[in-house]
Amino acid sequence: MSIFVKRKIRERLVLQQSAERQFKRQFFGLLLVIVTWSLAMGWLLALATNAQSATPSAEIGTVDVVPAQYQLGQELYLENCSTCHIGLPPAVFPTQTWKNLLQDSQHYGAQLKPLVDPPRILVWKYLSTFSRVKRDDEEIPYRLNDSRYFKALHPGVKLPRPVQLGSCVSCHQDASDYNFRSLTAEWNNSN
């Protein structure tokens, strides 16, 4: 083999090795960028999660934290229902109670103008998502004092008969603002 051919082979080999080193540097650089970005995103998500979980429950107000997709339904529910009485958390009654109440224009002796779509659908999605399941052996309750869940939430509380929606304020001072977490001093001290 001539010196010229050997030199060309050596130059190709050097170029090939140089290209391989450059490829490895680019690959590891890209890998470093991906790892750094992933760590930064993980750190930001951890901060966001900790900020949400650090919110004291007293600031939440309602019984359940309502995700954004149900908030309009909650607002419409309160706008339509809490003008005459205190809005109740959906979990107080089973889903079937809420379904019947939404469909019936006779509401506890008062004639109501029924909700029409789309507000009715939004209210229904909110109520059905946050209400509870009726047990097979349970009758559909229409009064608070007949609600198994309401009784379970108020153990040892001497409730008036019948329970009136206005009487909620005697223990839940902010119930008219749909806040059932804040209690009067008497009940805060007993816990």
C-alpha atoms as a PDB file:
ATOM      1  CA  MET A   1       0.000   0.000   0.000  1.00  0.00           C
ATOM      2  CA  SER A   2       1.214   3.384  -0.803  1.00  0.00           C
ATOM      3  CA  ILE A   3       1.839   6.088   1.755  1.00  0.00           C
ATOM      4  CA  PHE A   4      -0.841   8.174   0.130  1.00  0.00           C
ATOM      5  CA  VAL A   5      -3.506   5.456   0.683  1.00  0.00           C
ATOM      6  CA  LYS A   6      -2.358   4.881   4.272  1.00  0.00           C
ATOM      7  CA  ARG A   7      -2.575   8.596   4.949  1.00  0.00           C
ATOM      8  CA  LYS A   8      -6.113   8.758   3.492  1.00  0.00           C
ATOM      9  CA  ILE A   9      -7.216   5.784   5.637  1.00  0.00           C
ATOM     10  CA  ARG A  10      -5.719   7.398   8.725  1.00  0.00           C
ATOM     11  CA  GLU A  11      -7.455  10.730   7.938  1.00  0.00           C
ATOM     12  CA  ARG A  12     -10.781   8.931   7.488  1.00  0.00           C
ATOM     13  CA  LEU A  13     -10.278   7.089  10.747  1.00  0.00           C
ATOM     14  CA  VAL A  14      -9.464  10.350  12.564  1.00  0.00           C
ATOM     15  CA  LEU A  15     -12.544  12.037  11.008  1.00  0.00           C
ATOM     16  CA  GLN A  16     -14.704   9.082  11.956  1.00  0.00           C
ATOM     17  CA  GLN A  17     -13.444   9.136  15.553  1.00  0.00           C
ATOM     18  CA  SER A  18     -13.967  12.901  15.698  1.00  0.00           C
ATOM     19  CA  ALA A  19     -17.549  12.515  14.431  1.00  0.00           C
ATOM     20  CA  GLU A  20     -18.218   9.783  17.015  1.00  0.00           C
ATOM     21  CA  ARG A  21     -16.894  12.011  19.830  1.00  0.00           C
ATOM     22  CA  GLN A  22     -19.026  14.916  18.599  1.00  0.00           C
ATOM     23  CA  PHE A  23     -22.100  12.653  18.446  1.00  0.00           C
ATOM     24  CA  LYS A  24     -21.447  11.412  21.995  1.00  0.00           C
ATOM     25  CA  ARG A  25     -21.063  14.996  23.255  1.00  0.00           C
ATOM     26  CA  GLN A  26     -24.317  16.028  21.583  1.00  0.00           C
ATOM     27  CA  PHE A  27     -26.113  12.951  22.916  1.00  0.00           C
ATOM     28  CA  PHE A  28     -24.914  13.526  26.481  1.00  0.00           C
ATOM     29  CA  GLY A  29     -25.679  17.259  26.200  1.00  0.00           C
ATOM     30  CA  LEU A  30     -29.237  16.473  25.127  1.00  0.00           C
ATOM     31  CA  LEU A  31     -29.556  13.881  27.890  1.00  0.00           C
ATOM     32  CA  LEU A  32     -28.326  16.469  30.422  1.00  0.00           C
ATOM     33  CA  VAL A  33     -30.903  19.002  29.193  1.00  0.00           C
ATOM     34  CA  ILE A  34     -33.725  16.416  29.473  1.00  0.00           C
ATOM     35  CA  VAL A  35     -32.698  15.347  32.980  1.00  0.00           C
ATOM     36  CA  THR A  36     -32.365  18.973  34.146  1.00  0.00           C
ATOM     37  CA  TRP A  37     -35.753  19.888  32.664  1.00  0.00           C
ATOM     38  CA  SER A  38     -37.394  16.833  34.269  1.00  0.00           C
ATOM     39  CA  LEU A  39     -35.953  17.683  37.683  1.00  0.00           C
ATOM     40  CA  ALA A  40     -37.088  21.294  37.377  1.00  0.00           C
ATOM     41  CA  MET A  41     -40.625  20.242  36.400  1.00  0.00           C
ATOM     42  CA  GLY A  42     -40.751  17.730  39.254  1.00  0.00           C
ATOM     43  CA  TRP A  43     -39.625  20.391  41.704  1.00  0.00           C
ATOM     44  CA  LEU A  44     -42.278  22.846  40.429  1.00  0.00           C
ATOM     45  CA  LEU A  45     -45.002  20.193  40.648  1.00  0.00           C
ATOM     46  CA  ALA A  46     -43.937  19.363  44.191  1.00  0.00           C
ATOM     47  CA  LEU A  47     -44.144  23.045  45.137  1.00  0.00           C
ATOM     48  CA  ALA A  48     -47.600  23.361  43.577  1.00  0.00           C
ATOM     49  CA  THR A  49     -48.849  20.215  45.312  1.00  0.00           C
ATOM     50  CA  ASN A  50     -47.503  21.317  48.677  1.00  0.00           C
ATOM     51  CA  ALA A  51     -49.085  24.746  48.266  1.00  0.00           C
ATOM     52  CA  GLN A  52     -52.493  23.183  47.634  1.00  0.00           C
ATOM     53  CA  SER A  53     -52.273  20.712  50.498  1.00  0.00           C
ATOM     54  CA  ALA A  54     -51.070  23.453  52.841  1.00  0.00           C
ATOM     55  CA  THR A  55     -54.365  25.326  52.451  1.00  0.00           C
ATOM     56  CA  PRO A  56     -56.095  25.052  55.818  1.00  0.00           C
ATOM     57  CA  SER A  57     -59.452  23.293  55.608  1.00  0.00           C
ATOM     58  CA  ALA A  58     -61.120  26.221  57.379  1.00  0.00           C
ATOM     59  CA  GLU A  59     -60.443  28.343  54.291  1.00  0.00           C
ATOM     60  CA  ILE A  60     -62.097  25.828  51.963  1.00  0.00           C
ATOM     61  CA  GLY A  61     -65.533  26.411  53.432  1.00  0.00           C
ATOM     62  CA  THR A  62     -67.621  23.823  51.654  1.00  0.00           C
ATOM     63  CA  VAL A  63     -67.516  20.212  52.681  1.00  0.00           C
ATOM     64  CA  ASP A  64     -65.808  19.131  49.460  1.00  0.00           C
ATOM     65  CA  VAL A  65     -63.162  20.908  47.424  1.00  0.00           C
ATOM     66  CA  VAL A  66     -64.896  21.400  44.088  1.00  0.00           C
ATOM     67  CA  PRO A  67     -62.721  21.007  40.967  1.00  0.00           C
ATOM     68  CA  ALA A  68     -63.010  23.723  38.316  1.00  0.00           C
ATOM     69  CA  GLN A  69     -65.184  21.630  35.962  1.00  0.00           C
ATOM     70  CA  TYR A  70     -67.959  21.472  38.607  1.00  0.00           C
ATOM     71  CA  GLN A  71     -67.731  25.015  39.996  1.00  0.00           C
ATOM     72  CA  LEU A  72     -70.229  26.525  37.547  1.00  0.00           C
ATOM     73  CA  GLY A  73     -72.710  23.769  38.459  1.00  0.00           C
ATOM     74  CA  GLN A  74     -72.162  24.561  42.138  1.00  0.00           C
ATOM     75  CA  GLU A  75     -72.688  28.280  41.509  1.00  0.00           C
ATOM     76  CA  LEU A  76     -75.912  27.604  39.579  1.00  0.00           C
ATOM     77  CA  TYR A  77     -77.106  25.244  42.326  1.00  0.00           C
ATOM     78  CA  LEU A  78     -76.544  27.912  44.968  1.00  0.00           C
ATOM     79  CA  GLU A  79     -78.025  30.658  42.792  1.00  0.00           C
ATOM     80  CA  ASN A  80     -81.221  28.645  42.293  1.00  0.00           C
ATOM     81  CA  CYS A  81     -81.540  26.910  45.661  1.00  0.00           C
ATOM     82  CA  SER A  82     -80.062  29.145  48.323  1.00  0.00           C
ATOM     83  CA  THR A  83     -82.291  32.114  47.553  1.00  0.00           C
ATOM     84  CA  CYS A  84     -85.131  30.501  49.539  1.00  0.00           C
ATOM     85  CA  HIS A  85     -83.155  28.371  51.995  1.00  0.00           C
ATOM     86  CA  ILE A  86     -79.602  27.388  52.883  1.00  0.00           C
ATOM     87  CA  GLY A  87     -77.910  25.385  50.156  1.00  0.00           C
ATOM     88  CA  LEU A  88     -77.088  21.919  51.415  1.00  0.00           C
ATOM     89  CA  PRO A  89     -73.925  20.028  50.540  1.00  0.00           C
ATOM     90  CA  PRO A  90     -74.880  17.378  47.951  1.00  0.00           C
ATOM     91  CA  ALA A  91     -73.576  14.514  50.113  1.00  0.00           C
ATOM     92  CA  VAL A  92     -76.346  15.100  52.664  1.00  0.00           C
ATOM     93  CA  PHE A  93     -78.778  13.287  50.344  1.00  0.00           C
ATOM     94  CA  PRO A  94     -78.323  10.341  48.002  1.00  0.00           C
ATOM     95  CA  THR A  95     -78.137  10.966  44.259  1.00  0.00           C
ATOM     96  CA  GLN A  96     -81.701   9.693  43.763  1.00  0.00           C
ATOM     97  CA  THR A  97     -83.083  12.394  46.084  1.00  0.00           C
ATOM     98  CA  TRP A  98     -81.360  15.122  44.073  1.00  0.00           C
ATOM     99  CA  LYS A  99     -82.553  13.615  40.801  1.00  0.00           C
ATOM    100  CA  ASN A 100     -86.150  13.612  42.021  1.00  0.00           C
ATOM    101  CA  LEU A 101     -85.865  17.148  43.409  1.00  0.00           C
ATOM    102  CA  LEU A 102     -84.525  18.466  40.091  1.00  0.00           C
ATOM    103  CA  GLN A 103     -87.327  16.814  38.131  1.00  0.00           C
ATOM    104  CA  ASP A 104     -90.214  17.822  40.407  1.00  0.00           C
ATOM    105  CA  SER A 105     -91.659  21.325  40.127  1.00  0.00           C
ATOM    106  CA  GLN A 106     -93.474  20.776  43.466  1.00  0.00           C
ATOM    107  CA  HIS A 107     -90.723  21.541  45.963  1.00  0.00           C
ATOM    108  CA  TYR A 108     -91.761  20.947  49.560  1.00  0.00           C
ATOM    109  CA  GLY A 109     -95.151  22.549  48.998  1.00  0.00           C
ATOM    110  CA  ALA A 110     -93.949  25.379  46.764  1.00  0.00           C
ATOM    111  CA  GLN A 111     -94.373  25.534  42.999  1.00  0.00           C
ATOM    112  CA  LEU A 112     -90.989  26.114  41.360  1.00  0.00           C
ATOM    113  CA  LYS A 113     -90.024  27.062  37.857  1.00  0.00           C
ATOM    114  CA  PRO A 114     -87.975  24.036  36.758  1.00  0.00           C
ATOM    115  CA  LEU A 115     -84.402  24.449  35.610  1.00  0.00           C
ATOM    116  CA  VAL A 116     -83.908  24.057  31.877  1.00  0.00           C
ATOM    117  CA  ASP A 117     -80.858  22.871  29.951  1.00  0.00           C
ATOM    118  CA  PRO A 118     -77.940  23.700  29.971  1.00  0.00           C
ATOM    119  CA  PRO A 119     -78.020  25.024  33.597  1.00  0.00           C
ATOM    120  CA  ARG A 120     -79.954  21.923  34.693  1.00  0.00           C
ATOM    121  CA  ILE A 121     -77.253  19.658  33.245  1.00  0.00           C
ATOM    122  CA  LEU A 122     -74.481  21.595  35.020  1.00  0.00           C
ATOM    123  CA  VAL A 123     -76.334  21.499  38.345  1.00  0.00           C
ATOM    124  CA  TRP A 124     -77.040  17.778  37.886  1.00  0.00           C
ATOM    125  CA  LYS A 125     -73.375  17.001  37.164  1.00  0.00           C
ATOM    126  CA  TYR A 126     -72.369  18.837  40.329  1.00  0.00           C
ATOM    127  CA  LEU A 127     -75.037  17.215  42.507  1.00  0.00           C
ATOM    128  CA  SER A 128     -74.583  13.702  41.117  1.00  0.00           C
ATOM    129  CA  THR A 129     -70.790  13.874  41.454  1.00  0.00           C
ATOM    130  CA  PHE A 130     -70.801  15.031  45.076  1.00  0.00           C
ATOM    131  CA  SER A 131     -73.877  13.242  46.374  1.00  0.00           C
ATOM    132  CA  ARG A 132     -73.718   9.803  47.919  1.00  0.00           C
ATOM    133  CA  VAL A 133     -75.002   6.411  46.829  1.00  0.00           C
ATOM    134  CA  LYS A 134     -78.279   5.193  48.288  1.00  0.00           C
ATOM    135  CA  ARG A 135     -78.044   1.844  50.024  1.00  0.00           C
ATOM    136  CA  ASP A 136     -80.390  -0.881  48.803  1.00  0.00           C
ATOM    137  CA  ASP A 137     -82.129  -1.104  52.188  1.00  0.00           C
ATOM    138  CA  GLU A 138     -82.583   2.665  52.431  1.00  0.00           C
ATOM    139  CA  GLU A 139     -85.665   4.638  51.411  1.00  0.00           C
ATOM    140  CA  ILE A 140     -85.107   7.823  49.440  1.00  0.00           C
ATOM    141  CA  PRO A 141     -84.981  10.592  52.069  1.00  0.00           C
ATOM    142  CA  TYR A 142     -86.512  13.995  51.356  1.00  0.00           C
ATOM    143  CA  ARG A 143     -86.060  15.491  54.825  1.00  0.00           C
ATOM    144  CA  LEU A 144     -82.789  16.067  56.685  1.00  0.00           C
ATOM    145  CA  ASN A 145     -83.905  14.102  59.731  1.00  0.00           C
ATOM    146  CA  ASP A 146     -84.502  11.085  57.420  1.00  0.00           C
ATOM    147  CA  SER A 147     -81.029  11.272  55.868  1.00  0.00           C
ATOM    148  CA  ARG A 148     -78.700   8.555  57.119  1.00  0.00           C
ATOM    149  CA  TYR A 149     -75.665  10.605  56.112  1.00  0.00           C
ATOM    150  CA  PHE A 150     -76.913  13.758  57.854  1.00  0.00           C
ATOM    151  CA  LYS A 151     -77.437  11.775  61.069  1.00  0.00           C
ATOM    152  CA  ALA A 152     -73.957  10.243  60.765  1.00  0.00           C
ATOM    153  CA  LEU A 153     -72.420  13.719  60.447  1.00  0.00           C
ATOM    154  CA  HIS A 154     -74.220  14.915  63.589  1.00  0.00           C
ATOM    155  CA  PRO A 155     -73.699  12.195  66.226  1.00  0.00           C
ATOM    156  CA  GLY A 156     -74.692  13.259  69.696  1.00  0.00           C
ATOM    157  CA  VAL A 157     -76.295  16.480  68.444  1.00  0.00           C
ATOM    158  CA  LYS A 158     -79.820  17.046  69.688  1.00  0.00           C
ATOM    159  CA  LEU A 159     -81.546  18.111  66.493  1.00  0.00           C
ATOM    160  CA  PRO A 160     -84.950  19.812  66.476  1.00  0.00           C
ATOM    161  CA  ARG A 161     -87.842  17.808  65.041  1.00  0.00           C
ATOM    162  CA  PRO A 162     -88.300  18.390  62.208  1.00  0.00           C
ATOM    163  CA  VAL A 163     -84.869  19.706  61.276  1.00  0.00           C
ATOM    164  CA  GLN A 164     -85.285  23.118  59.670  1.00  0.00           C
ATOM    165  CA  LEU A 165     -82.706  24.384  57.192  1.00  0.00           C
ATOM    166  CA  GLY A 166     -82.499  27.647  59.125  1.00  0.00           C
ATOM    167  CA  SER A 167     -81.398  25.782  62.239  1.00  0.00           C
ATOM    168  CA  CYS A 168     -78.074  24.926  60.546  1.00  0.00           C
ATOM    169  CA  VAL A 169     -76.865  28.450  61.346  1.00  0.00           C
ATOM    170  CA  SER A 170     -77.127  27.821  65.077  1.00  0.00           C
ATOM    171  CA  CYS A 171     -74.019  25.575  64.845  1.00  0.00           C
ATOM    172  CA  HIS A 172     -72.600  26.396  61.406  1.00  0.00           C
ATOM    173  CA  GLN A 173     -72.342  30.164  61.658  1.00  0.00           C
ATOM    174  CA  ASP A 174     -71.434  30.616  57.993  1.00  0.00           C
ATOM    175  CA  ALA A 175     -73.917  28.087  56.571  1.00  0.00           C
ATOM    176  CA  SER A 176     -75.740  30.864  54.726  1.00  0.00           C
ATOM    177  CA  ASP A 177     -72.459  31.389  52.820  1.00  0.00           C
ATOM    178  CA  TYR A 178     -72.284  27.638  52.054  1.00  0.00           C
ATOM    179  CA  ASN A 179     -69.525  27.144  54.617  1.00  0.00           C
ATOM    180  CA  PHE A 180     -70.247  24.165  56.861  1.00  0.00           C
ATOM    181  CA  ARG A 181     -66.703  23.843  58.176  1.00  0.00           C
ATOM    182  CA  SER A 182     -66.784  26.876  60.447  1.00  0.00           C
ATOM    183  CA  LEU A 183     -68.600  26.137  63.687  1.00  0.00           C
ATOM    184  CA  THR A 184     -69.770  28.339  66.525  1.00  0.00           C
ATOM    185  CA  ALA A 185     -67.460  28.684  69.520  1.00  0.00           C
ATOM    186  CA  GLU A 186     -69.545  26.178  71.490  1.00  0.00           C
ATOM    187  CA  TRP A 187     -68.886  23.427  68.942  1.00  0.00           C
ATOM    188  CA  ASN A 188     -65.263  24.414  68.255  1.00  0.00           C
ATOM    189  CA  ASN A 189     -64.457  24.021  71.951  1.00  0.00           C
ATOM    190  CA  SER A 190     -66.175  20.634  72.197  1.00  0.00           C
ATOM    191  CA  ASN A 191     -63.924  19.017  69.586  1.00  0.00           C
END
